[in-house]
Amino acid sequence: MDLLKKYENDYPYKEETYKIIGCAMEVHSELGPGFLEAVYQEALSIVFDEKQIPFEQEKMLKILFRGKTLKKKYSADFYCCDKIIVELKATNKLNNTDLSQVLNYLKATNQEIGLLINFGTEKLEYKRVIRTIDKKENFR
């Protein structure tokens, strides 16, 4: 087996991220682009409830620095299944700043995987942001 192929298909919480992305696709297929991010967030919470995906909306995330928790906190749009950070956008294109935001959430909270989902385009745009144990980052 080609090692690159294996690596591309091997990432943490594959089943959970697949379900979350499927929910986002349902929302996008019904609403389409053009709404504010808050509209997509509310609609996605309804679909998560229907699909019985555990989530916390606007979850305050602790930031760790040198073993200490900072007073400043991040607010993730969703924290799903007690392990996946989900950040929503409603813009014409995802950019490196958006990816860096999710990566910073992962680093600061010591989580492995985040999803960056953009509802602002004709076709739903999403990226899996993976922080591996060796601290290398991946975008898919």
C-alpha atoms as a PDB file:
ATOM      1  CA  MET A   1       0.000   0.000   0.000  1.00  0.00           C
ATOM      2  CA  ASP A   2       1.224   3.478  -0.862  1.00  0.00           C
ATOM      3  CA  LEU A   3       2.206   5.081   2.479  1.00  0.00           C
ATOM      4  CA  LEU A   4       0.980   8.514   1.390  1.00  0.00           C
ATOM      5  CA  LYS A   5      -2.446   7.066   0.556  1.00  0.00           C
ATOM      6  CA  LYS A   6      -2.593   5.321   3.930  1.00  0.00           C
ATOM      7  CA  TYR A   7      -1.603   8.515   5.762  1.00  0.00           C
ATOM      8  CA  GLU A   8      -4.172  10.615   3.886  1.00  0.00           C
ATOM      9  CA  ASN A   9      -6.962   8.297   5.005  1.00  0.00           C
ATOM     10  CA  ASP A  10      -5.720   7.715   8.542  1.00  0.00           C
ATOM     11  CA  TYR A  11      -6.558  10.467  10.981  1.00  0.00           C
ATOM     12  CA  PRO A  12      -8.158  10.693  14.429  1.00  0.00           C
ATOM     13  CA  TYR A  13     -11.917  10.559  14.898  1.00  0.00           C
ATOM     14  CA  LYS A  14     -12.607   9.854  11.246  1.00  0.00           C
ATOM     15  CA  GLU A  15     -16.165   8.628  11.815  1.00  0.00           C
ATOM     16  CA  GLU A  16     -17.104  11.593  14.001  1.00  0.00           C
ATOM     17  CA  THR A  17     -15.655  14.181  11.608  1.00  0.00           C
ATOM     18  CA  TYR A  18     -17.444  12.479   8.706  1.00  0.00           C
ATOM     19  CA  LYS A  19     -20.787  12.829  10.538  1.00  0.00           C
ATOM     20  CA  ILE A  20     -20.146  16.472  11.443  1.00  0.00           C
ATOM     21  CA  ILE A  21     -19.256  17.332   7.840  1.00  0.00           C
ATOM     22  CA  GLY A  22     -22.395  15.490   6.682  1.00  0.00           C
ATOM     23  CA  CYS A  23     -24.503  17.666   8.979  1.00  0.00           C
ATOM     24  CA  ALA A  24     -22.847  20.796   7.575  1.00  0.00           C
ATOM     25  CA  MET A  25     -23.609  19.580   4.047  1.00  0.00           C
ATOM     26  CA  GLU A  26     -27.285  19.204   4.975  1.00  0.00           C
ATOM     27  CA  VAL A  27     -27.387  22.773   6.295  1.00  0.00           C
ATOM     28  CA  HIS A  28     -25.599  24.127   3.227  1.00  0.00           C
ATOM     29  CA  SER A  29     -27.831  22.238   0.792  1.00  0.00           C
ATOM     30  CA  GLU A  30     -30.938  23.740   2.417  1.00  0.00           C
ATOM     31  CA  LEU A  31     -29.735  27.299   3.084  1.00  0.00           C
ATOM     32  CA  GLY A  32     -27.044  27.778   0.440  1.00  0.00           C
ATOM     33  CA  PRO A  33     -24.500  30.603   0.720  1.00  0.00           C
ATOM     34  CA  GLY A  34     -25.296  34.189   1.667  1.00  0.00           C
ATOM     35  CA  PHE A  35     -26.373  34.093   5.309  1.00  0.00           C
ATOM     36  CA  LEU A  36     -24.400  35.297   8.301  1.00  0.00           C
ATOM     37  CA  GLU A  37     -22.291  32.802  10.234  1.00  0.00           C
ATOM     38  CA  ALA A  38     -24.731  32.947  13.172  1.00  0.00           C
ATOM     39  CA  VAL A  39     -27.532  31.591  10.968  1.00  0.00           C
ATOM     40  CA  TYR A  40     -25.449  28.587   9.937  1.00  0.00           C
ATOM     41  CA  GLN A  41     -24.409  28.028  13.542  1.00  0.00           C
ATOM     42  CA  GLU A  42     -28.001  27.913  14.737  1.00  0.00           C
ATOM     43  CA  ALA A  43     -29.092  25.673  11.851  1.00  0.00           C
ATOM     44  CA  LEU A  44     -26.156  23.325  12.431  1.00  0.00           C
ATOM     45  CA  SER A  45     -27.062  22.983  16.110  1.00  0.00           C
ATOM     46  CA  ILE A  46     -30.541  21.811  15.042  1.00  0.00           C
ATOM     47  CA  VAL A  47     -29.069  19.168  12.732  1.00  0.00           C
ATOM     48  CA  PHE A  48     -26.597  18.047  15.416  1.00  0.00           C
ATOM     49  CA  ASP A  49     -29.552  17.535  17.773  1.00  0.00           C
ATOM     50  CA  GLU A  50     -31.474  15.597  15.117  1.00  0.00           C
ATOM     51  CA  LYS A  51     -28.455  13.367  14.397  1.00  0.00           C
ATOM     52  CA  GLN A  52     -27.669  12.981  18.109  1.00  0.00           C
ATOM     53  CA  ILE A  53     -24.170  14.383  17.787  1.00  0.00           C
ATOM     54  CA  PRO A  54     -23.036  15.621  21.201  1.00  0.00           C
ATOM     55  CA  PHE A  55     -21.912  19.239  21.110  1.00  0.00           C
ATOM     56  CA  GLU A  56     -21.365  22.384  23.089  1.00  0.00           C
ATOM     57  CA  GLN A  57     -22.067  25.608  21.246  1.00  0.00           C
ATOM     58  CA  GLU A  58     -19.734  28.600  21.726  1.00  0.00           C
ATOM     59  CA  LYS A  59     -17.581  26.513  24.027  1.00  0.00           C
ATOM     60  CA  MET A  60     -15.057  28.522  26.013  1.00  0.00           C
ATOM     61  CA  LEU A  61     -11.677  26.837  25.597  1.00  0.00           C
ATOM     62  CA  LYS A  62      -8.900  27.139  28.142  1.00  0.00           C
ATOM     63  CA  ILE A  63      -5.523  28.237  26.841  1.00  0.00           C
ATOM     64  CA  LEU A  64      -2.533  26.498  28.367  1.00  0.00           C
ATOM     65  CA  PHE A  65       0.882  28.150  28.528  1.00  0.00           C
ATOM     66  CA  ARG A  66       3.825  26.546  30.325  1.00  0.00           C
ATOM     67  CA  GLY A  67       1.484  24.330  32.270  1.00  0.00           C
ATOM     68  CA  LYS A  68      -0.710  27.194  33.431  1.00  0.00           C
ATOM     69  CA  THR A  69      -4.206  28.177  32.342  1.00  0.00           C
ATOM     70  CA  LEU A  70      -4.402  31.738  31.039  1.00  0.00           C
ATOM     71  CA  LYS A  71      -7.275  34.072  31.948  1.00  0.00           C
ATOM     72  CA  LYS A  72      -7.927  34.724  28.257  1.00  0.00           C
ATOM     73  CA  LYS A  73     -10.089  32.042  26.619  1.00  0.00           C
ATOM     74  CA  TYR A  74     -11.052  31.143  23.075  1.00  0.00           C
ATOM     75  CA  SER A  75     -14.660  30.632  22.066  1.00  0.00           C
ATOM     76  CA  ALA A  76     -15.066  27.811  19.551  1.00  0.00           C
ATOM     77  CA  ASP A  77     -18.276  27.755  17.530  1.00  0.00           C
ATOM     78  CA  PHE A  78     -18.743  24.090  18.477  1.00  0.00           C
ATOM     79  CA  TYR A  79     -16.954  21.493  20.538  1.00  0.00           C
ATOM     80  CA  CYS A  80     -18.280  18.127  19.379  1.00  0.00           C
ATOM     81  CA  CYS A  81     -18.001  14.648  20.866  1.00  0.00           C
ATOM     82  CA  ASP A  82     -15.769  16.015  23.670  1.00  0.00           C
ATOM     83  CA  LYS A  83     -12.788  16.094  21.293  1.00  0.00           C
ATOM     84  CA  ILE A  84     -13.384  17.975  18.017  1.00  0.00           C
ATOM     85  CA  ILE A  85     -13.208  21.754  17.660  1.00  0.00           C
ATOM     86  CA  VAL A  86     -15.483  23.075  14.902  1.00  0.00           C
ATOM     87  CA  GLU A  87     -15.024  26.597  13.587  1.00  0.00           C
ATOM     88  CA  LEU A  88     -17.542  28.059  11.127  1.00  0.00           C
ATOM     89  CA  LYS A  89     -17.084  30.738   8.503  1.00  0.00           C
ATOM     90  CA  ALA A  90     -19.404  32.404   5.993  1.00  0.00           C
ATOM     91  CA  THR A  91     -16.942  33.979   3.598  1.00  0.00           C
ATOM     92  CA  ASN A  92     -16.131  33.791  -0.109  1.00  0.00           C
ATOM     93  CA  LYS A  93     -12.940  31.760   0.527  1.00  0.00           C
ATOM     94  CA  LEU A  94     -11.013  30.196   3.384  1.00  0.00           C
ATOM     95  CA  ASN A  95      -7.548  31.619   3.911  1.00  0.00           C
ATOM     96  CA  ASN A  96      -4.413  30.912   5.936  1.00  0.00           C
ATOM     97  CA  THR A  97      -5.633  33.111   8.786  1.00  0.00           C
ATOM     98  CA  ASP A  98      -8.727  30.907   9.147  1.00  0.00           C
ATOM     99  CA  LEU A  99      -6.586  27.769   9.189  1.00  0.00           C
ATOM    100  CA  SER A 100      -4.200  29.354  11.690  1.00  0.00           C
ATOM    101  CA  GLN A 101      -7.126  30.176  13.969  1.00  0.00           C
ATOM    102  CA  VAL A 102      -8.154  26.519  14.194  1.00  0.00           C
ATOM    103  CA  LEU A 103      -4.550  25.403  14.561  1.00  0.00           C
ATOM    104  CA  ASN A 104      -4.075  27.857  17.433  1.00  0.00           C
ATOM    105  CA  TYR A 105      -7.209  26.468  19.102  1.00  0.00           C
ATOM    106  CA  LEU A 106      -5.731  22.967  18.826  1.00  0.00           C
ATOM    107  CA  LYS A 107      -2.325  23.993  20.150  1.00  0.00           C
ATOM    108  CA  ALA A 108      -3.741  26.017  23.018  1.00  0.00           C
ATOM    109  CA  THR A 109      -6.143  23.288  24.127  1.00  0.00           C
ATOM    110  CA  ASN A 110      -3.902  20.312  23.319  1.00  0.00           C
ATOM    111  CA  GLN A 111      -6.594  18.791  21.101  1.00  0.00           C
ATOM    112  CA  GLU A 112      -5.819  16.690  18.015  1.00  0.00           C
ATOM    113  CA  ILE A 113      -8.421  17.643  15.428  1.00  0.00           C
ATOM    114  CA  GLY A 114     -10.487  20.590  14.334  1.00  0.00           C
ATOM    115  CA  LEU A 115     -12.826  21.241  11.464  1.00  0.00           C
ATOM    116  CA  LEU A 116     -12.958  24.521   9.584  1.00  0.00           C
ATOM    117  CA  ILE A 117     -16.248  24.777   7.698  1.00  0.00           C
ATOM    118  CA  ASN A 118     -17.142  27.575   5.281  1.00  0.00           C
ATOM    119  CA  PHE A 119     -20.779  28.065   4.268  1.00  0.00           C
ATOM    120  CA  GLY A 120     -20.109  31.174   2.157  1.00  0.00           C
ATOM    121  CA  THR A 121     -19.299  29.422  -1.123  1.00  0.00           C
ATOM    122  CA  GLU A 122     -21.517  27.730  -3.709  1.00  0.00           C
ATOM    123  CA  LYS A 123     -20.113  24.354  -2.634  1.00  0.00           C
ATOM    124  CA  LEU A 124     -19.504  23.743   1.071  1.00  0.00           C
ATOM    125  CA  GLU A 125     -15.822  24.185   1.832  1.00  0.00           C
ATOM    126  CA  TYR A 126     -14.220  22.330   4.738  1.00  0.00           C
ATOM    127  CA  LYS A 127     -10.782  21.449   6.057  1.00  0.00           C
ATOM    128  CA  ARG A 128      -9.697  18.968   8.680  1.00  0.00           C
ATOM    129  CA  VAL A 129      -6.920  20.477  10.775  1.00  0.00           C
ATOM    130  CA  ILE A 130      -4.904  17.769  12.496  1.00  0.00           C
ATOM    131  CA  ARG A 131      -2.344  18.259  15.219  1.00  0.00           C
ATOM    132  CA  THR A 132      -0.383  15.036  15.530  1.00  0.00           C
ATOM    133  CA  ILE A 133       1.512  13.807  18.567  1.00  0.00           C
ATOM    134  CA  ASP A 134       4.835  14.869  17.039  1.00  0.00           C
ATOM    135  CA  LYS A 135       3.322  18.388  16.835  1.00  0.00           C
ATOM    136  CA  LYS A 136       3.296  18.522  13.049  1.00  0.00           C
ATOM    137  CA  GLU A 137       0.214  20.110  11.594  1.00  0.00           C
ATOM    138  CA  ASN A 138      -1.800  18.882   8.660  1.00  0.00           C
ATOM    139  CA  PHE A 139      -4.577  20.452   6.626  1.00  0.00           C
ATOM    140  CA  ARG A 140      -6.987  18.291   4.625  1.00  0.00           C
END
